[in-house]
Amino acid sequence: MNKTTAAAKSMIEQAAAELGGTARLVAWAREAPENERAFWATVFPKLLPLQVNGPGEDGAFIMSFRFE
């Protein structure tokens, strides 16, 4: 992360804390159904990994099928 990106992230974190942090985010999400939808559709996915790797070679997924 370069200095500019780090500085911007720091400022955003500080602003979030001063705006009420976790408690305020939860309160906002509960204020209206569209806010909660926005949280789940826009905010929360930013925490998810962009790529998921499986246990196989080079991160491949291993699948097995059984027919009875």
C-alpha atoms as a PDB file:
ATOM      1  CA  MET A   1       0.000   0.000   0.000  1.00  0.00           C
ATOM      2  CA  ASN A   2       1.490   3.352  -0.968  1.00  0.00           C
ATOM      3  CA  LYS A   3       1.603   6.413   1.320  1.00  0.00           C
ATOM      4  CA  THR A   4      -1.363   8.130  -0.336  1.00  0.00           C
ATOM      5  CA  THR A   5      -3.568   5.038  -0.061  1.00  0.00           C
ATOM      6  CA  ALA A   6      -2.508   4.493   3.551  1.00  0.00           C
ATOM      7  CA  ALA A   7      -3.248   8.143   4.425  1.00  0.00           C
ATOM      8  CA  ALA A   8      -6.678   7.973   2.760  1.00  0.00           C
ATOM      9  CA  LYS A   9      -7.514   4.734   4.594  1.00  0.00           C
ATOM     10  CA  SER A  10      -6.440   6.287   7.891  1.00  0.00           C
ATOM     11  CA  MET A  11      -8.627   9.360   7.323  1.00  0.00           C
ATOM     12  CA  ILE A  12     -11.640   7.193   6.445  1.00  0.00           C
ATOM     13  CA  GLU A  13     -11.106   5.070   9.575  1.00  0.00           C
ATOM     14  CA  GLN A  14     -10.880   8.197  11.724  1.00  0.00           C
ATOM     15  CA  ALA A  15     -14.028   9.683  10.153  1.00  0.00           C
ATOM     16  CA  ALA A  16     -15.900   6.414  10.725  1.00  0.00           C
ATOM     17  CA  ALA A  17     -14.868   6.406  14.384  1.00  0.00           C
ATOM     18  CA  GLU A  18     -15.916  10.035  14.856  1.00  0.00           C
ATOM     19  CA  LEU A  19     -19.253   9.378  13.137  1.00  0.00           C
ATOM     20  CA  GLY A  20     -20.082   6.708  15.706  1.00  0.00           C
ATOM     21  CA  GLY A  21     -18.196   3.634  14.534  1.00  0.00           C
ATOM     22  CA  THR A  22     -19.846   0.246  14.789  1.00  0.00           C
ATOM     23  CA  ALA A  23     -22.790   1.425  16.887  1.00  0.00           C
ATOM     24  CA  ARG A  24     -23.700   4.119  14.355  1.00  0.00           C
ATOM     25  CA  LEU A  25     -23.367   1.735  11.409  1.00  0.00           C
ATOM     26  CA  VAL A  26     -25.716  -0.723  13.108  1.00  0.00           C
ATOM     27  CA  ALA A  27     -28.164   2.068  13.953  1.00  0.00           C
ATOM     28  CA  TRP A  28     -28.102   3.263  10.330  1.00  0.00           C
ATOM     29  CA  ALA A  29     -28.712  -0.239   8.997  1.00  0.00           C
ATOM     30  CA  ARG A  30     -31.694  -0.616  11.333  1.00  0.00           C
ATOM     31  CA  GLU A  31     -33.213   2.777  10.432  1.00  0.00           C
ATOM     32  CA  ALA A  32     -34.754   1.501   7.212  1.00  0.00           C
ATOM     33  CA  PRO A  33     -34.980  -1.751   5.234  1.00  0.00           C
ATOM     34  CA  GLU A  34     -33.192  -0.151   2.275  1.00  0.00           C
ATOM     35  CA  ASN A  35     -30.253   0.716   4.557  1.00  0.00           C
ATOM     36  CA  GLU A  36     -29.946  -2.880   5.702  1.00  0.00           C
ATOM     37  CA  ARG A  37     -30.115  -4.051   2.067  1.00  0.00           C
ATOM     38  CA  ALA A  38     -27.375  -1.556   1.188  1.00  0.00           C
ATOM     39  CA  PHE A  39     -25.253  -2.880   4.062  1.00  0.00           C
ATOM     40  CA  TRP A  40     -25.556  -6.510   2.938  1.00  0.00           C
ATOM     41  CA  ALA A  41     -25.263  -5.727  -0.782  1.00  0.00           C
ATOM     42  CA  THR A  42     -22.535  -3.057  -0.728  1.00  0.00           C
ATOM     43  CA  VAL A  43     -20.689  -2.808   2.584  1.00  0.00           C
ATOM     44  CA  PHE A  44     -20.399  -6.409   3.783  1.00  0.00           C
ATOM     45  CA  PRO A  45     -19.176  -7.899   0.463  1.00  0.00           C
ATOM     46  CA  LYS A  46     -16.094  -5.670   0.683  1.00  0.00           C
ATOM     47  CA  LEU A  47     -14.917  -7.954   3.521  1.00  0.00           C
ATOM     48  CA  LEU A  48     -15.155 -11.088   1.399  1.00  0.00           C
ATOM     49  CA  PRO A  49     -12.133 -12.374  -0.484  1.00  0.00           C
ATOM     50  CA  LEU A  50     -12.070 -11.543  -4.180  1.00  0.00           C
ATOM     51  CA  GLN A  51     -10.930 -15.046  -5.017  1.00  0.00           C
ATOM     52  CA  VAL A  52     -11.588 -18.308  -3.239  1.00  0.00           C
ATOM     53  CA  ASN A  53      -9.063 -21.106  -3.600  1.00  0.00           C
ATOM     54  CA  GLY A  54      -9.726 -24.787  -3.243  1.00  0.00           C
ATOM     55  CA  PRO A  55      -7.397 -27.366  -1.674  1.00  0.00           C
ATOM     56  CA  GLY A  56      -6.171 -28.745  -5.011  1.00  0.00           C
ATOM     57  CA  GLU A  57      -3.104 -27.904  -7.038  1.00  0.00           C
ATOM     58  CA  ASP A  58      -2.925 -24.168  -7.818  1.00  0.00           C
ATOM     59  CA  GLY A  59      -6.077 -23.586  -5.753  1.00  0.00           C
ATOM     60  CA  ALA A  60      -8.277 -25.873  -7.840  1.00  0.00           C
ATOM     61  CA  PHE A  61     -11.432 -27.265  -6.300  1.00  0.00           C
ATOM     62  CA  ILE A  62     -11.592 -31.014  -5.896  1.00  0.00           C
ATOM     63  CA  MET A  63     -14.963 -32.488  -6.711  1.00  0.00           C
ATOM     64  CA  SER A  64     -16.087 -36.068  -6.403  1.00  0.00           C
ATOM     65  CA  PHE A  65     -19.359 -37.586  -7.508  1.00  0.00           C
ATOM     66  CA  ARG A  66     -20.998 -40.746  -6.331  1.00  0.00           C
ATOM     67  CA  PHE A  67     -23.848 -42.369  -8.194  1.00  0.00           C
ATOM     68  CA  GLU A  68     -25.918 -45.052  -6.545  1.00  0.00           C
END
